[in-house]
Amino acid sequence: MAAVIIAVSSEEQLNKCLEIRKEVFVEEQKVPLDLEIDENDVIGPDAVHVLIEMEGAAAATGRITYYKDNSAKMQRIAVRKSFRSQGLGKILLLALEERARELGLTKSVLDAQCQAEAFYAKLGYETVSTEPFYDAGILHVRMEKPL
């Protein structure tokens, strides 16, 4: 099955992204909804959302916000449980990176959950934080990669 990468441009597509994130972060990981959904969860100039569909079903999502020093901040990267271990996380991150390059950004920054640090390292990200830190009650590390 081919993954369909969608640059989110409609409220319907954005709502699919939010549903994935609610399922992964709020239901599975117990992140409070008011911490998960924020001012960047709109279609507008300050955030770029990507949706991946498999067989017509919303499977994965992520977003880019603008960060200091001409960097893309990769955020809210989520793959639905039933679609995990199929390479969608990698496809999603590569699509986000490509979109960031198209926007003229030169570096990718993300705060990875510690359990996902090795995944991001395999894709060229380097841990730059000296110690793990908590975000929404989950340990994270800051990672970066030149684009």
C-alpha atoms as a PDB file:
ATOM      1  CA  MET A   1       0.000   0.000   0.000  1.00  0.00           C
ATOM      2  CA  ALA A   2       1.278   3.437  -0.868  1.00  0.00           C
ATOM      3  CA  ALA A   3       1.222   6.199   1.692  1.00  0.00           C
ATOM      4  CA  VAL A   4      -0.505   9.354   0.457  1.00  0.00           C
ATOM      5  CA  ILE A   5       1.187  12.491   1.792  1.00  0.00           C
ATOM      6  CA  ILE A   6      -1.197  15.435   2.099  1.00  0.00           C
ATOM      7  CA  ALA A   7      -0.245  19.057   2.718  1.00  0.00           C
ATOM      8  CA  VAL A   8      -3.203  20.024   4.893  1.00  0.00           C
ATOM      9  CA  SER A   9      -5.268  22.787   3.313  1.00  0.00           C
ATOM     10  CA  SER A  10      -8.819  22.207   4.587  1.00  0.00           C
ATOM     11  CA  GLU A  11     -10.560  22.082   7.947  1.00  0.00           C
ATOM     12  CA  GLU A  12     -11.602  18.492   7.197  1.00  0.00           C
ATOM     13  CA  GLN A  13      -7.969  17.441   6.735  1.00  0.00           C
ATOM     14  CA  LEU A  14      -6.902  19.367   9.846  1.00  0.00           C
ATOM     15  CA  ASN A  15      -9.616  17.632  11.875  1.00  0.00           C
ATOM     16  CA  LYS A  16      -8.237  14.248  10.760  1.00  0.00           C
ATOM     17  CA  CYS A  17      -4.816  15.336  12.060  1.00  0.00           C
ATOM     18  CA  LEU A  18      -6.311  16.399  15.380  1.00  0.00           C
ATOM     19  CA  GLU A  19      -8.172  13.109  15.731  1.00  0.00           C
ATOM     20  CA  ILE A  20      -4.919  11.166  15.273  1.00  0.00           C
ATOM     21  CA  ARG A  21      -3.196  13.329  17.873  1.00  0.00           C
ATOM     22  CA  LYS A  22      -6.048  12.974  20.356  1.00  0.00           C
ATOM     23  CA  GLU A  23      -5.919   9.196  19.934  1.00  0.00           C
ATOM     24  CA  VAL A  24      -2.115   8.945  20.285  1.00  0.00           C
ATOM     25  CA  PHE A  25      -1.274  11.674  22.777  1.00  0.00           C
ATOM     26  CA  VAL A  26      -4.444  12.232  24.813  1.00  0.00           C
ATOM     27  CA  GLU A  27      -5.896   8.707  24.954  1.00  0.00           C
ATOM     28  CA  GLU A  28      -2.735   6.541  24.791  1.00  0.00           C
ATOM     29  CA  GLN A  29      -0.209   8.782  26.522  1.00  0.00           C
ATOM     30  CA  LYS A  30      -2.607  10.668  28.813  1.00  0.00           C
ATOM     31  CA  VAL A  31      -1.498  14.157  27.741  1.00  0.00           C
ATOM     32  CA  PRO A  32      -4.157  16.678  28.846  1.00  0.00           C
ATOM     33  CA  LEU A  33      -6.189  17.906  25.863  1.00  0.00           C
ATOM     34  CA  ASP A  34      -5.525  21.546  26.754  1.00  0.00           C
ATOM     35  CA  LEU A  35      -1.770  20.899  26.437  1.00  0.00           C
ATOM     36  CA  GLU A  36      -2.093  18.952  23.195  1.00  0.00           C
ATOM     37  CA  ILE A  37      -4.228  21.368  21.173  1.00  0.00           C
ATOM     38  CA  ASP A  38      -2.859  24.891  20.882  1.00  0.00           C
ATOM     39  CA  GLU A  39      -2.878  28.126  18.874  1.00  0.00           C
ATOM     40  CA  ASN A  40      -0.952  26.481  16.017  1.00  0.00           C
ATOM     41  CA  ASP A  41      -3.747  24.019  15.328  1.00  0.00           C
ATOM     42  CA  VAL A  42      -5.291  26.115  12.586  1.00  0.00           C
ATOM     43  CA  ILE A  43      -4.724  26.512   8.891  1.00  0.00           C
ATOM     44  CA  GLY A  44      -2.664  29.639   8.553  1.00  0.00           C
ATOM     45  CA  PRO A  45       0.780  31.139   8.013  1.00  0.00           C
ATOM     46  CA  ASP A  46       2.299  30.094  11.357  1.00  0.00           C
ATOM     47  CA  ALA A  47       2.089  26.301  11.064  1.00  0.00           C
ATOM     48  CA  VAL A  48       2.231  23.658   8.345  1.00  0.00           C
ATOM     49  CA  HIS A  49       0.362  20.402   8.944  1.00  0.00           C
ATOM     50  CA  VAL A  50       0.961  17.133   7.097  1.00  0.00           C
ATOM     51  CA  LEU A  51      -1.421  14.169   7.008  1.00  0.00           C
ATOM     52  CA  ILE A  52      -0.602  10.686   5.774  1.00  0.00           C
ATOM     53  CA  GLU A  53      -3.372   8.392   4.612  1.00  0.00           C
ATOM     54  CA  MET A  54      -3.168   4.667   3.964  1.00  0.00           C
ATOM     55  CA  GLU A  55      -5.976   2.972   2.062  1.00  0.00           C
ATOM     56  CA  GLY A  56      -8.072   6.105   2.540  1.00  0.00           C
ATOM     57  CA  ALA A  57      -7.647   6.110   6.336  1.00  0.00           C
ATOM     58  CA  ALA A  58      -5.919   8.877   8.283  1.00  0.00           C
ATOM     59  CA  ALA A  59      -2.780   7.152   9.594  1.00  0.00           C
ATOM     60  CA  ALA A  60      -0.170   9.708  10.691  1.00  0.00           C
ATOM     61  CA  THR A  61       0.342  13.425  11.170  1.00  0.00           C
ATOM     62  CA  GLY A  62       2.883  16.044  12.109  1.00  0.00           C
ATOM     63  CA  ARG A  63       3.334  19.782  11.953  1.00  0.00           C
ATOM     64  CA  ILE A  64       6.020  22.379  11.440  1.00  0.00           C
ATOM     65  CA  THR A  65       6.194  25.694  13.239  1.00  0.00           C
ATOM     66  CA  TYR A  66       8.812  28.345  12.653  1.00  0.00           C
ATOM     67  CA  TYR A  67      11.647  28.395  15.148  1.00  0.00           C
ATOM     68  CA  LYS A  68      14.624  30.670  15.728  1.00  0.00           C
ATOM     69  CA  ASP A  69      17.667  30.774  13.428  1.00  0.00           C
ATOM     70  CA  ASN A  70      15.742  29.808  10.281  1.00  0.00           C
ATOM     71  CA  SER A  71      14.759  26.460  11.784  1.00  0.00           C
ATOM     72  CA  ALA A  72      11.714  24.262  11.426  1.00  0.00           C
ATOM     73  CA  LYS A  73      10.300  22.946  14.706  1.00  0.00           C
ATOM     74  CA  MET A  74       8.889  19.488  14.017  1.00  0.00           C
ATOM     75  CA  GLN A  75       5.999  18.858  16.384  1.00  0.00           C
ATOM     76  CA  ARG A  76       3.067  16.604  17.155  1.00  0.00           C
ATOM     77  CA  ILE A  77       4.467  13.689  15.182  1.00  0.00           C
ATOM     78  CA  ALA A  78       2.011  10.829  15.635  1.00  0.00           C
ATOM     79  CA  VAL A  79       1.237   7.496  13.990  1.00  0.00           C
ATOM     80  CA  ARG A  80      -1.966   5.642  14.847  1.00  0.00           C
ATOM     81  CA  LYS A  81      -1.308   2.370  16.657  1.00  0.00           C
ATOM     82  CA  SER A  82      -2.794   0.217  13.894  1.00  0.00           C
ATOM     83  CA  PHE A  83      -0.371   1.758  11.363  1.00  0.00           C
ATOM     84  CA  ARG A  84       2.849   1.516  13.394  1.00  0.00           C
ATOM     85  CA  SER A  85       5.856  -0.581  12.329  1.00  0.00           C
ATOM     86  CA  GLN A  86       5.126   0.067   8.657  1.00  0.00           C
ATOM     87  CA  GLY A  87       7.646   2.856   8.106  1.00  0.00           C
ATOM     88  CA  LEU A  88       5.111   5.679   8.276  1.00  0.00           C
ATOM     89  CA  GLY A  89       7.018   7.580  10.949  1.00  0.00           C
ATOM     90  CA  LYS A  90      10.018   7.795   8.637  1.00  0.00           C
ATOM     91  CA  ILE A  91       7.866   8.746   5.638  1.00  0.00           C
ATOM     92  CA  LEU A  92       6.154  11.427   7.714  1.00  0.00           C
ATOM     93  CA  LEU A  93       9.379  12.932   9.018  1.00  0.00           C
ATOM     94  CA  LEU A  94      10.984  12.952   5.559  1.00  0.00           C
ATOM     95  CA  ALA A  95       7.871  14.685   4.179  1.00  0.00           C
ATOM     96  CA  LEU A  96       8.034  17.306   6.958  1.00  0.00           C
ATOM     97  CA  GLU A  97      11.729  17.887   6.258  1.00  0.00           C
ATOM     98  CA  GLU A  98      11.078  18.283   2.533  1.00  0.00           C
ATOM     99  CA  ARG A  99       8.313  20.790   3.231  1.00  0.00           C
ATOM    100  CA  ALA A 100      10.646  22.728   5.563  1.00  0.00           C
ATOM    101  CA  ARG A 101      13.280  22.892   2.816  1.00  0.00           C
ATOM    102  CA  GLU A 102      10.630  24.158   0.390  1.00  0.00           C
ATOM    103  CA  LEU A 103       9.904  26.927   2.914  1.00  0.00           C
ATOM    104  CA  GLY A 104      13.592  27.869   2.854  1.00  0.00           C
ATOM    105  CA  LEU A 105      14.360  26.598   6.345  1.00  0.00           C
ATOM    106  CA  THR A 106      17.850  25.242   6.963  1.00  0.00           C
ATOM    107  CA  LYS A 107      17.608  23.267  10.197  1.00  0.00           C
ATOM    108  CA  SER A 108      15.131  20.887  11.820  1.00  0.00           C
ATOM    109  CA  VAL A 109      14.634  20.950  15.591  1.00  0.00           C
ATOM    110  CA  LEU A 110      12.420  18.581  17.574  1.00  0.00           C
ATOM    111  CA  ASP A 111      11.735  17.563  21.130  1.00  0.00           C
ATOM    112  CA  ALA A 112      11.695  13.772  21.017  1.00  0.00           C
ATOM    113  CA  GLN A 113      10.155  11.576  23.644  1.00  0.00           C
ATOM    114  CA  CYS A 114      13.090   9.647  25.114  1.00  0.00           C
ATOM    115  CA  GLN A 115      11.593   6.357  23.959  1.00  0.00           C
ATOM    116  CA  ALA A 116      11.766   7.678  20.349  1.00  0.00           C
ATOM    117  CA  GLU A 117      15.302   9.129  20.527  1.00  0.00           C
ATOM    118  CA  ALA A 118      16.885   6.161  18.698  1.00  0.00           C
ATOM    119  CA  PHE A 119      14.287   6.425  15.904  1.00  0.00           C
ATOM    120  CA  TYR A 120      15.194  10.050  15.240  1.00  0.00           C
ATOM    121  CA  ALA A 121      18.931   9.331  15.559  1.00  0.00           C
ATOM    122  CA  LYS A 122      18.610   6.762  12.740  1.00  0.00           C
ATOM    123  CA  LEU A 123      17.225   9.565  10.566  1.00  0.00           C
ATOM    124  CA  GLY A 124      20.184  11.828  11.220  1.00  0.00           C
ATOM    125  CA  TYR A 125      19.086  13.772  14.281  1.00  0.00           C
ATOM    126  CA  GLU A 126      21.613  14.553  16.989  1.00  0.00           C
ATOM    127  CA  THR A 127      20.698  15.021  20.647  1.00  0.00           C
ATOM    128  CA  VAL A 128      21.709  18.527  21.725  1.00  0.00           C
ATOM    129  CA  SER A 129      20.121  18.781  25.183  1.00  0.00           C
ATOM    130  CA  THR A 130      22.419  17.936  28.071  1.00  0.00           C
ATOM    131  CA  GLU A 131      19.680  16.227  30.098  1.00  0.00           C
ATOM    132  CA  PRO A 132      16.179  14.916  29.435  1.00  0.00           C
ATOM    133  CA  PHE A 133      13.352  17.295  30.335  1.00  0.00           C
ATOM    134  CA  TYR A 134       9.639  16.924  30.936  1.00  0.00           C
ATOM    135  CA  ASP A 135       7.043  18.126  28.459  1.00  0.00           C
ATOM    136  CA  ALA A 136       3.419  17.268  29.212  1.00  0.00           C
ATOM    137  CA  GLY A 137       4.679  14.872  31.900  1.00  0.00           C
ATOM    138  CA  ILE A 138       6.788  12.848  29.435  1.00  0.00           C
ATOM    139  CA  LEU A 139      10.598  12.850  29.301  1.00  0.00           C
ATOM    140  CA  HIS A 140      12.026  14.405  26.121  1.00  0.00           C
ATOM    141  CA  VAL A 141      15.361  15.382  24.590  1.00  0.00           C
ATOM    142  CA  ARG A 142      16.029  18.208  22.139  1.00  0.00           C
ATOM    143  CA  MET A 143      17.386  16.996  18.802  1.00  0.00           C
ATOM    144  CA  GLU A 144      18.579  18.812  15.680  1.00  0.00           C
ATOM    145  CA  LYS A 145      19.465  18.067  12.065  1.00  0.00           C
ATOM    146  CA  PRO A 146      20.699  20.309   9.270  1.00  0.00           C
ATOM    147  CA  LEU A 147      18.340  20.410   6.309  1.00  0.00           C
END
